[in-house]
N, C-alpha and C. Protein backbone atom coordinates (compact mmCIF):
# COMPACT_ATOMS: atom_id res chain seq x y z
N UNK A 1 -6.72 3.61 -20.99
CA UNK A 1 -5.99 2.44 -20.45
C UNK A 1 -7.05 1.54 -19.71
N UNK A 2 -6.96 0.17 -20.11
CA UNK A 2 -7.93 -0.78 -19.56
C UNK A 2 -7.22 -1.44 -18.34
N UNK A 3 -8.18 -1.68 -17.46
CA UNK A 3 -7.86 -2.33 -16.22
C UNK A 3 -8.64 -3.65 -16.05
N UNK A 4 -8.13 -4.71 -15.63
CA UNK A 4 -8.84 -5.91 -15.42
C UNK A 4 -9.02 -6.26 -14.02
N UNK A 5 -10.24 -6.55 -13.57
CA UNK A 5 -10.50 -6.92 -12.19
C UNK A 5 -10.00 -8.34 -12.01
N UNK A 6 -9.18 -8.57 -10.91
CA UNK A 6 -8.60 -9.82 -10.66
C UNK A 6 -9.02 -10.32 -9.21
N UNK A 7 -8.91 -11.65 -9.02
CA UNK A 7 -8.99 -12.25 -7.68
C UNK A 7 -7.51 -12.33 -7.24
N UNK A 8 -7.11 -11.62 -6.24
CA UNK A 8 -5.65 -11.46 -6.06
C UNK A 8 -4.93 -12.75 -5.67
N UNK A 9 -5.69 -13.69 -5.01
CA UNK A 9 -4.96 -14.96 -4.63
C UNK A 9 -4.65 -15.72 -5.83
N UNK A 10 -5.65 -16.00 -6.70
CA UNK A 10 -5.44 -16.71 -7.94
C UNK A 10 -4.43 -16.07 -8.84
N UNK A 11 -4.48 -14.74 -9.00
CA UNK A 11 -3.66 -14.01 -9.87
C UNK A 11 -2.21 -14.12 -9.47
N UNK A 12 -1.96 -13.92 -8.20
CA UNK A 12 -0.56 -14.10 -7.65
C UNK A 12 0.03 -15.52 -7.77
N UNK A 13 -0.86 -16.56 -7.40
CA UNK A 13 -0.44 -17.92 -7.54
C UNK A 13 -0.08 -18.24 -8.94
N UNK A 14 -0.91 -17.82 -9.81
CA UNK A 14 -0.63 -18.08 -11.19
C UNK A 14 0.72 -17.51 -11.71
N UNK A 15 0.84 -16.26 -11.31
CA UNK A 15 2.03 -15.45 -11.73
C UNK A 15 3.35 -16.08 -11.08
N UNK A 16 3.30 -16.53 -9.93
CA UNK A 16 4.47 -17.20 -9.33
C UNK A 16 4.74 -18.58 -10.01
N UNK A 17 3.61 -19.26 -10.29
CA UNK A 17 3.79 -20.58 -10.91
C UNK A 17 4.33 -20.50 -12.27
N UNK A 18 3.97 -19.50 -13.09
CA UNK A 18 4.37 -19.41 -14.46
C UNK A 18 5.64 -18.56 -14.63
N UNK A 19 6.18 -18.05 -13.45
CA UNK A 19 7.49 -17.29 -13.54
C UNK A 19 7.39 -15.87 -13.81
N UNK A 20 6.15 -15.26 -13.99
CA UNK A 20 6.02 -13.85 -14.43
C UNK A 20 6.12 -12.98 -13.12
N UNK A 21 6.00 -13.52 -11.93
CA UNK A 21 6.08 -12.85 -10.71
C UNK A 21 7.14 -13.53 -9.80
N UNK A 22 8.08 -12.83 -9.35
CA UNK A 22 9.25 -13.28 -8.54
C UNK A 22 9.07 -12.69 -7.22
N UNK A 23 8.86 -13.37 -6.14
CA UNK A 23 8.82 -12.76 -4.80
C UNK A 23 10.12 -12.12 -4.40
N UNK A 24 10.01 -10.95 -3.89
CA UNK A 24 11.13 -10.15 -3.42
C UNK A 24 10.93 -9.62 -2.01
N UNK A 25 11.86 -9.54 -1.25
CA UNK A 25 11.76 -9.07 0.12
C UNK A 25 12.16 -7.51 0.16
N UNK A 26 11.37 -6.70 0.91
CA UNK A 26 11.62 -5.34 1.08
C UNK A 26 11.19 -4.84 2.45
N UNK A 27 11.72 -3.72 2.82
CA UNK A 27 11.49 -3.14 4.18
C UNK A 27 10.99 -1.66 3.94
N UNK A 28 9.94 -1.39 4.75
CA UNK A 28 9.33 -0.03 4.66
C UNK A 28 10.36 0.95 5.39
N UNK A 29 10.68 2.08 4.81
CA UNK A 29 11.41 3.07 5.46
C UNK A 29 10.76 4.40 5.67
N UNK A 30 9.69 4.67 4.86
CA UNK A 30 9.11 5.98 4.87
C UNK A 30 8.35 6.40 6.16
N UNK A 31 8.40 7.60 6.50
CA UNK A 31 7.63 8.19 7.55
C UNK A 31 6.40 8.75 7.08
N UNK A 32 5.35 8.81 7.95
CA UNK A 32 4.02 9.35 7.51
C UNK A 32 3.63 10.37 8.68
N UNK A 33 2.65 11.16 8.29
CA UNK A 33 1.93 11.84 9.38
C UNK A 33 0.53 11.13 9.30
N UNK A 34 -0.17 11.12 10.47
CA UNK A 34 -1.46 10.45 10.48
C UNK A 34 -2.26 11.04 11.61
N UNK A 35 -3.58 10.90 11.41
CA UNK A 35 -4.48 11.29 12.46
C UNK A 35 -5.68 10.38 12.40
N UNK A 36 -6.29 10.18 13.53
CA UNK A 36 -7.47 9.27 13.57
C UNK A 36 -8.65 10.09 12.81
N UNK A 37 -9.29 9.38 11.85
CA UNK A 37 -10.40 10.09 11.04
C UNK A 37 -11.70 10.07 11.76
N UNK A 38 -12.57 10.66 11.07
CA UNK A 38 -14.03 10.68 11.55
C UNK A 38 -14.79 9.68 10.76
N UNK A 39 -15.71 8.98 11.38
CA UNK A 39 -16.45 7.98 10.68
C UNK A 39 -17.22 8.61 9.51
N UNK A 40 -17.08 8.00 8.31
CA UNK A 40 -17.71 8.54 7.13
C UNK A 40 -16.81 9.57 6.38
N UNK A 41 -15.75 9.97 6.89
CA UNK A 41 -14.89 10.85 6.17
C UNK A 41 -14.26 10.14 4.98
N UNK A 42 -14.33 10.86 3.77
CA UNK A 42 -13.92 10.28 2.53
C UNK A 42 -12.47 10.63 2.12
N UNK A 43 -11.71 9.67 1.69
CA UNK A 43 -10.33 9.98 1.26
C UNK A 43 -10.19 9.27 -0.11
N UNK A 44 -9.67 10.21 -1.04
CA UNK A 44 -9.31 9.71 -2.34
C UNK A 44 -7.73 9.40 -2.49
N UNK A 45 -7.45 8.26 -2.86
CA UNK A 45 -5.98 7.92 -3.05
C UNK A 45 -5.65 8.03 -4.46
N UNK A 46 -4.59 8.76 -4.79
CA UNK A 46 -4.14 9.04 -6.15
C UNK A 46 -2.82 8.44 -6.41
N UNK A 47 -2.59 8.05 -7.63
CA UNK A 47 -1.27 7.59 -8.10
C UNK A 47 -1.09 8.05 -9.50
N UNK A 48 -0.10 7.44 -10.18
CA UNK A 48 0.19 7.67 -11.58
C UNK A 48 0.50 6.41 -12.33
N UNK A 49 0.27 6.36 -13.60
CA UNK A 49 0.70 5.19 -14.43
C UNK A 49 2.09 5.42 -14.95
N UNK A 50 2.63 4.59 -15.78
CA UNK A 50 4.03 4.61 -16.28
C UNK A 50 4.32 5.81 -17.05
N UNK A 51 3.23 6.53 -17.55
CA UNK A 51 3.48 7.78 -18.30
C UNK A 51 3.24 9.05 -17.48
N UNK A 52 3.02 8.84 -16.18
CA UNK A 52 2.85 10.00 -15.26
C UNK A 52 1.44 10.53 -15.16
N UNK A 53 0.49 9.77 -15.93
CA UNK A 53 -0.90 10.19 -15.92
C UNK A 53 -1.54 9.82 -14.56
N UNK A 54 -2.37 10.67 -14.02
CA UNK A 54 -2.99 10.46 -12.66
C UNK A 54 -4.01 9.35 -12.79
N UNK A 55 -4.04 8.56 -11.70
CA UNK A 55 -4.98 7.47 -11.59
C UNK A 55 -5.66 7.54 -10.26
N UNK A 56 -7.02 7.69 -10.23
CA UNK A 56 -7.70 7.61 -8.99
C UNK A 56 -7.72 6.23 -8.52
N UNK A 57 -6.87 5.87 -7.64
CA UNK A 57 -6.69 4.51 -7.20
C UNK A 57 -7.88 3.95 -6.40
N UNK A 58 -8.39 4.83 -5.48
CA UNK A 58 -9.34 4.25 -4.50
C UNK A 58 -10.11 5.48 -3.90
N UNK A 59 -11.30 5.25 -3.65
CA UNK A 59 -12.14 6.17 -2.87
C UNK A 59 -12.66 5.32 -1.63
N UNK A 60 -12.45 5.79 -0.41
CA UNK A 60 -12.76 5.02 0.71
C UNK A 60 -13.24 5.91 1.83
N UNK A 61 -13.99 5.40 2.77
CA UNK A 61 -14.47 6.15 3.98
C UNK A 61 -13.93 5.62 5.16
N UNK A 62 -13.67 6.47 6.19
CA UNK A 62 -13.25 5.90 7.49
C UNK A 62 -14.47 5.22 8.10
N UNK A 63 -14.03 4.04 8.65
CA UNK A 63 -14.96 3.16 9.26
C UNK A 63 -14.52 2.78 10.62
N UNK A 64 -15.46 2.30 11.43
CA UNK A 64 -15.05 1.78 12.79
C UNK A 64 -14.37 0.44 12.57
N UNK A 65 -13.22 0.18 13.25
CA UNK A 65 -12.49 -1.05 13.20
C UNK A 65 -13.22 -2.04 14.17
N UNK A 66 -13.59 -3.15 13.61
CA UNK A 66 -14.39 -4.13 14.44
C UNK A 66 -13.56 -4.73 15.50
N UNK A 67 -12.20 -4.78 15.41
CA UNK A 67 -11.37 -5.32 16.52
C UNK A 67 -11.20 -4.35 17.65
N UNK A 68 -11.09 -3.03 17.32
CA UNK A 68 -10.87 -2.01 18.43
C UNK A 68 -11.99 -1.12 18.73
N UNK A 69 -13.04 -1.15 17.89
CA UNK A 69 -14.16 -0.21 17.99
C UNK A 69 -13.77 1.21 17.99
N UNK A 70 -12.71 1.53 17.25
CA UNK A 70 -12.19 2.82 16.98
C UNK A 70 -12.20 3.18 15.55
N UNK A 71 -12.28 4.46 15.10
CA UNK A 71 -12.25 4.85 13.74
C UNK A 71 -10.83 4.58 13.13
N UNK A 72 -10.88 4.47 11.84
CA UNK A 72 -9.47 4.25 11.17
C UNK A 72 -8.73 5.57 11.14
N UNK A 73 -7.50 5.48 10.65
CA UNK A 73 -6.53 6.57 10.54
C UNK A 73 -6.41 7.04 9.16
N UNK A 74 -6.14 8.30 9.03
CA UNK A 74 -5.81 8.86 7.73
C UNK A 74 -4.40 9.14 7.59
N UNK A 75 -3.61 8.50 6.81
CA UNK A 75 -2.20 8.55 6.67
C UNK A 75 -1.87 9.44 5.50
N UNK A 76 -0.73 10.25 5.56
CA UNK A 76 -0.29 11.02 4.51
C UNK A 76 1.17 10.84 4.30
N UNK A 77 1.64 10.65 3.09
CA UNK A 77 3.07 10.52 2.81
C UNK A 77 3.83 11.92 2.97
N UNK A 78 4.95 11.85 3.58
CA UNK A 78 5.70 13.02 3.83
C UNK A 78 7.23 12.81 3.50
N UNK A 79 7.87 14.02 3.32
CA UNK A 79 9.32 13.79 3.02
C UNK A 79 10.09 13.74 4.33
N UNK A 80 11.43 13.71 4.28
CA UNK A 80 12.22 13.53 5.44
C UNK A 80 12.06 14.48 6.53
N UNK A 81 11.61 15.78 6.09
CA UNK A 81 11.41 16.81 7.07
C UNK A 81 9.98 16.78 7.62
N UNK A 82 9.19 15.95 7.14
CA UNK A 82 7.74 15.89 7.60
C UNK A 82 6.84 16.81 6.72
N UNK A 83 7.27 17.25 5.66
CA UNK A 83 6.34 18.08 4.81
C UNK A 83 5.62 17.17 3.89
N UNK A 84 4.29 17.38 3.70
CA UNK A 84 3.45 16.69 2.87
C UNK A 84 4.03 16.68 1.43
N UNK A 85 4.11 15.52 0.82
CA UNK A 85 4.52 15.42 -0.61
C UNK A 85 3.39 15.56 -1.51
N UNK A 86 3.54 16.58 -2.46
CA UNK A 86 2.46 16.75 -3.51
C UNK A 86 3.02 16.33 -4.73
N UNK A 87 2.27 15.46 -5.52
CA UNK A 87 2.76 14.92 -6.77
C UNK A 87 2.68 15.93 -7.89
N UNK A 88 3.06 15.51 -9.05
CA UNK A 88 3.13 16.44 -10.24
C UNK A 88 1.67 16.81 -10.77
N UNK A 89 0.65 16.00 -10.22
CA UNK A 89 -0.72 16.35 -10.61
C UNK A 89 -1.46 17.05 -9.50
N UNK A 90 -0.68 17.58 -8.47
CA UNK A 90 -1.26 18.33 -7.36
C UNK A 90 -1.93 17.61 -6.27
N UNK A 91 -1.76 16.30 -6.17
CA UNK A 91 -2.37 15.52 -5.15
C UNK A 91 -1.36 15.06 -4.04
N UNK A 92 -1.75 15.11 -2.82
CA UNK A 92 -1.03 14.56 -1.70
C UNK A 92 -1.41 13.07 -1.79
N UNK A 93 -0.64 12.23 -1.09
CA UNK A 93 -0.83 10.81 -1.12
C UNK A 93 -1.42 10.47 0.24
N UNK A 94 -2.70 10.23 0.28
CA UNK A 94 -3.42 9.93 1.51
C UNK A 94 -4.17 8.56 1.39
N UNK A 95 -4.27 7.86 2.47
CA UNK A 95 -4.92 6.64 2.44
C UNK A 95 -5.47 6.33 3.82
N UNK A 96 -6.54 5.38 3.88
CA UNK A 96 -7.05 5.04 5.28
C UNK A 96 -6.50 3.74 5.77
N UNK A 97 -6.20 3.71 6.99
CA UNK A 97 -5.60 2.44 7.64
C UNK A 97 -6.55 2.14 8.79
N UNK A 98 -7.09 0.86 8.88
CA UNK A 98 -7.82 0.45 10.00
C UNK A 98 -7.05 0.69 11.37
N UNK A 99 -7.77 1.08 12.43
CA UNK A 99 -7.06 1.31 13.64
C UNK A 99 -6.17 0.14 14.14
N UNK A 100 -6.65 -1.13 14.12
CA UNK A 100 -5.89 -2.23 14.57
C UNK A 100 -4.64 -2.35 13.76
N UNK A 101 -4.74 -2.22 12.39
CA UNK A 101 -3.56 -2.42 11.47
C UNK A 101 -2.62 -1.21 11.70
N UNK A 102 -3.09 0.01 11.90
CA UNK A 102 -2.22 1.14 12.10
C UNK A 102 -1.35 0.90 13.38
N UNK A 103 -1.95 0.45 14.48
CA UNK A 103 -1.23 0.19 15.67
C UNK A 103 -0.26 -0.92 15.54
N UNK A 104 -0.52 -1.92 14.65
CA UNK A 104 0.54 -2.96 14.39
C UNK A 104 1.66 -2.48 13.58
N UNK A 105 1.41 -1.57 12.62
CA UNK A 105 2.38 -1.20 11.59
C UNK A 105 3.17 0.14 11.91
N UNK A 106 2.65 0.95 12.78
CA UNK A 106 3.33 2.24 13.03
C UNK A 106 3.46 2.62 14.48
N UNK A 107 4.55 3.46 14.72
CA UNK A 107 4.78 3.95 16.05
C UNK A 107 5.28 5.43 15.96
N UNK A 108 5.11 6.12 16.97
CA UNK A 108 5.64 7.54 16.91
C UNK A 108 7.13 7.45 16.83
N UNK A 109 7.59 8.31 15.85
CA UNK A 109 9.07 8.42 15.59
C UNK A 109 9.76 9.18 16.77
N UNK A 110 10.70 8.51 17.51
CA UNK A 110 11.24 9.18 18.65
C UNK A 110 12.15 10.38 18.28
N UNK A 111 12.48 10.51 16.96
CA UNK A 111 13.25 11.68 16.59
C UNK A 111 12.32 12.80 16.16
N UNK A 112 11.13 12.57 15.91
CA UNK A 112 10.16 13.68 15.53
C UNK A 112 8.79 13.18 15.89
N UNK A 113 8.21 13.59 17.07
CA UNK A 113 6.97 13.17 17.51
C UNK A 113 5.72 13.48 16.68
N UNK A 114 5.94 14.30 15.63
CA UNK A 114 4.78 14.58 14.77
C UNK A 114 4.73 13.55 13.62
N UNK A 115 5.66 12.66 13.56
CA UNK A 115 5.70 11.71 12.54
C UNK A 115 5.52 10.26 13.07
N UNK A 116 5.11 9.30 12.22
CA UNK A 116 4.97 8.00 12.60
C UNK A 116 5.96 7.20 11.70
N UNK A 117 6.65 6.15 12.33
CA UNK A 117 7.65 5.37 11.56
C UNK A 117 7.08 3.94 11.47
N UNK A 118 7.44 3.27 10.51
CA UNK A 118 6.98 1.86 10.38
C UNK A 118 7.70 0.94 11.43
N UNK A 119 6.91 -0.03 11.87
CA UNK A 119 7.51 -1.05 12.73
C UNK A 119 7.26 -2.38 12.10
N UNK A 120 7.92 -3.29 12.42
CA UNK A 120 7.85 -4.68 11.77
C UNK A 120 9.05 -4.99 10.97
N UNK A 121 9.09 -6.03 10.34
CA UNK A 121 10.33 -6.40 9.64
C UNK A 121 10.03 -6.46 8.10
N UNK A 122 10.89 -7.17 7.42
CA UNK A 122 10.84 -7.29 5.94
C UNK A 122 9.47 -7.93 5.59
N UNK A 123 9.07 -7.52 4.37
CA UNK A 123 7.80 -8.02 3.78
C UNK A 123 8.09 -8.58 2.38
N UNK A 124 7.19 -9.35 1.81
CA UNK A 124 7.42 -9.99 0.61
C UNK A 124 6.40 -9.46 -0.52
N UNK A 125 6.96 -9.05 -1.63
CA UNK A 125 6.27 -8.43 -2.78
C UNK A 125 6.38 -9.19 -4.04
N UNK A 126 5.43 -9.09 -4.96
CA UNK A 126 5.68 -9.40 -6.35
C UNK A 126 5.24 -8.16 -7.11
N UNK A 127 5.98 -8.04 -8.26
CA UNK A 127 5.56 -6.89 -9.13
C UNK A 127 4.61 -7.37 -10.25
N UNK A 128 3.69 -6.53 -10.58
CA UNK A 128 2.61 -6.85 -11.61
C UNK A 128 2.99 -6.32 -12.93
N UNK A 129 2.56 -7.06 -13.95
CA UNK A 129 2.86 -6.62 -15.27
C UNK A 129 1.58 -6.30 -15.97
N UNK A 130 0.45 -6.22 -15.37
CA UNK A 130 -0.89 -5.87 -15.92
C UNK A 130 -1.48 -4.68 -15.18
N UNK A 131 -2.40 -4.05 -15.88
CA UNK A 131 -3.14 -2.98 -15.14
C UNK A 131 -4.35 -3.70 -14.57
N UNK A 132 -4.38 -3.63 -13.19
CA UNK A 132 -5.40 -4.46 -12.56
C UNK A 132 -6.31 -3.65 -11.61
N UNK A 133 -7.38 -4.28 -11.23
CA UNK A 133 -8.34 -3.78 -10.16
C UNK A 133 -8.43 -4.85 -9.24
N UNK A 134 -8.18 -4.53 -7.88
CA UNK A 134 -8.30 -5.66 -6.97
C UNK A 134 -9.24 -5.14 -5.77
N UNK A 135 -9.88 -6.00 -5.17
CA UNK A 135 -10.63 -5.51 -4.00
C UNK A 135 -9.81 -5.53 -2.78
N UNK A 136 -9.62 -4.40 -2.26
CA UNK A 136 -8.71 -4.17 -1.11
C UNK A 136 -9.51 -3.66 0.06
N UNK A 137 -9.62 -4.36 1.11
CA UNK A 137 -10.26 -3.88 2.35
C UNK A 137 -11.68 -3.36 2.06
N UNK A 138 -12.46 -4.10 1.20
CA UNK A 138 -13.90 -3.69 0.92
C UNK A 138 -14.07 -2.66 -0.27
N UNK A 139 -13.03 -2.24 -0.85
CA UNK A 139 -13.30 -1.38 -1.98
C UNK A 139 -12.28 -1.62 -3.13
N UNK A 140 -12.71 -1.29 -4.26
CA UNK A 140 -11.79 -1.63 -5.45
C UNK A 140 -10.67 -0.58 -5.48
N UNK A 141 -9.53 -1.11 -6.01
CA UNK A 141 -8.28 -0.26 -6.23
C UNK A 141 -7.70 -0.59 -7.52
N UNK A 142 -7.36 0.46 -8.35
CA UNK A 142 -6.72 0.32 -9.49
C UNK A 142 -5.23 0.45 -9.37
N UNK A 143 -4.51 -0.51 -9.91
CA UNK A 143 -3.00 -0.43 -9.86
C UNK A 143 -2.46 -0.60 -11.23
N UNK A 144 -1.61 0.27 -11.72
CA UNK A 144 -1.08 0.20 -13.04
C UNK A 144 0.11 -0.83 -13.09
N UNK A 145 0.33 -1.34 -14.28
CA UNK A 145 1.44 -2.31 -14.54
C UNK A 145 2.67 -1.65 -13.87
N UNK A 146 3.50 -2.47 -13.25
CA UNK A 146 4.70 -1.99 -12.52
C UNK A 146 4.50 -1.92 -11.07
N UNK A 147 3.23 -1.81 -10.61
CA UNK A 147 2.95 -1.80 -9.24
C UNK A 147 3.32 -3.18 -8.56
N UNK A 148 3.03 -3.26 -7.23
CA UNK A 148 3.27 -4.42 -6.46
C UNK A 148 2.10 -4.94 -5.69
N UNK A 149 2.21 -6.21 -5.32
CA UNK A 149 1.26 -6.83 -4.42
C UNK A 149 2.08 -7.42 -3.24
N UNK A 150 1.62 -6.99 -1.99
CA UNK A 150 2.29 -7.44 -0.77
C UNK A 150 1.68 -8.81 -0.53
N UNK A 151 2.55 -9.90 -0.51
CA UNK A 151 2.14 -11.21 -0.27
C UNK A 151 2.52 -11.82 0.93
N UNK A 152 3.00 -10.98 1.83
CA UNK A 152 3.62 -11.41 3.11
C UNK A 152 2.50 -12.28 3.90
N UNK A 153 1.31 -11.78 4.03
CA UNK A 153 0.28 -12.56 4.63
C UNK A 153 -0.75 -13.04 3.56
N UNK A 154 -0.85 -14.15 3.20
CA UNK A 154 -1.70 -14.65 2.07
C UNK A 154 -3.19 -14.35 2.37
N UNK A 155 -3.46 -14.21 3.68
CA UNK A 155 -4.90 -13.86 4.00
C UNK A 155 -5.18 -12.35 3.92
N UNK A 156 -4.15 -11.57 3.66
CA UNK A 156 -4.31 -10.07 3.65
C UNK A 156 -3.42 -9.51 2.60
N UNK A 157 -3.40 -9.98 1.36
CA UNK A 157 -2.60 -9.40 0.33
C UNK A 157 -3.16 -8.12 -0.18
N UNK A 158 -2.35 -7.21 -0.43
CA UNK A 158 -2.81 -5.82 -0.94
C UNK A 158 -1.81 -5.28 -1.87
N UNK A 159 -2.34 -4.23 -2.74
CA UNK A 159 -1.56 -3.80 -3.75
C UNK A 159 -1.00 -2.26 -3.36
N UNK A 160 0.05 -1.96 -4.20
CA UNK A 160 0.71 -0.62 -3.95
C UNK A 160 1.21 -0.27 -5.36
N UNK A 161 1.08 1.03 -5.69
CA UNK A 161 1.53 1.51 -7.02
C UNK A 161 3.09 1.47 -7.04
N UNK A 162 3.67 1.44 -8.21
CA UNK A 162 5.06 1.41 -8.29
C UNK A 162 5.67 2.69 -7.74
N UNK A 163 5.10 3.90 -7.96
CA UNK A 163 5.57 5.15 -7.38
C UNK A 163 5.55 4.99 -5.84
N UNK A 164 4.45 4.62 -5.28
CA UNK A 164 4.32 4.63 -3.79
C UNK A 164 5.20 3.53 -3.26
N UNK A 165 5.42 2.43 -3.96
CA UNK A 165 6.36 1.38 -3.48
C UNK A 165 7.82 2.02 -3.37
N UNK A 166 8.20 2.66 -4.41
CA UNK A 166 9.58 3.28 -4.54
C UNK A 166 9.77 4.29 -3.53
N UNK A 167 8.72 5.02 -3.12
CA UNK A 167 8.80 6.05 -2.13
C UNK A 167 8.74 5.53 -0.67
N UNK A 168 8.45 4.25 -0.55
CA UNK A 168 8.06 3.77 0.78
C UNK A 168 9.01 2.60 1.18
N UNK A 169 9.48 1.74 0.16
CA UNK A 169 10.15 0.61 0.55
C UNK A 169 11.55 0.51 -0.19
N UNK A 170 12.36 -0.30 0.34
CA UNK A 170 13.71 -0.68 -0.29
C UNK A 170 13.82 -2.10 -0.35
N UNK A 171 14.35 -2.67 -1.38
CA UNK A 171 14.53 -4.12 -1.48
C UNK A 171 15.74 -4.39 -0.62
N UNK A 172 15.54 -5.55 0.11
CA UNK A 172 16.62 -6.00 1.02
C UNK A 172 17.32 -7.33 0.48
N UNK A 173 16.59 -7.98 -0.34
CA UNK A 173 17.12 -9.32 -0.65
C UNK A 173 16.22 -9.95 -1.78
N UNK A 174 16.86 -10.63 -2.68
CA UNK A 174 16.02 -11.52 -3.62
C UNK A 174 15.85 -12.75 -2.84
N UNK A 175 14.52 -13.19 -2.77
CA UNK A 175 14.33 -14.41 -2.04
C UNK A 175 14.85 -15.62 -2.72
N UNK A 176 15.43 -16.53 -1.87
CA UNK A 176 15.96 -17.76 -2.56
C UNK A 176 14.90 -18.77 -2.69
N UNK A 177 13.83 -18.76 -1.95
CA UNK A 177 12.75 -19.69 -2.27
C UNK A 177 11.58 -18.92 -2.97
N UNK A 178 10.55 -19.55 -3.23
CA UNK A 178 9.49 -19.00 -4.03
C UNK A 178 8.48 -18.21 -3.14
N UNK A 179 8.84 -17.71 -2.05
CA UNK A 179 7.93 -16.99 -1.13
C UNK A 179 6.98 -17.90 -0.37
N UNK A 180 5.90 -17.25 0.10
CA UNK A 180 4.92 -18.02 0.87
C UNK A 180 4.10 -19.12 0.06
N UNK A 181 3.73 -20.16 0.62
CA UNK A 181 3.03 -21.19 -0.11
C UNK A 181 1.61 -20.68 -0.43
N UNK A 182 1.29 -20.67 -1.72
CA UNK A 182 -0.07 -20.12 -2.08
C UNK A 182 -0.89 -21.28 -2.55
């Protein structure tokens, strides 16, 4: 399967302008477990394509967050009981989040102190129809067709696989306008 490296801003702008991408609003509902990582610790993020084949989305290392001078966090997807979810290919879903971003996006779940719940409101996404590679927070990430790009903040757009989106977000509304100005 071929993946094309894209410049995310231009790719999304063109998709919205030609009508192949329609901005939609969604809210995060999924809980995670997380721990602050050790600088240099490597995390491999896995996903699947439309046929269920594994995709090594990204290899990243925990780094010091320039805003907080603290190491990033390693987040892991869990089910409603807090058990780590293992996919059909035997992988847990882990990724690295910068310390400042983690503190903005997550808080301890008052119903289960071993979990973190999302905070913040609705976000805006477009679905992709191509297999793409985008540079995300300093490293390349592969996303199969059907995945999404979060366009809520045009200065910090990022991708998420279709599987991970469906496990993490729910659509709240079709946007009446064409989303943020690109």
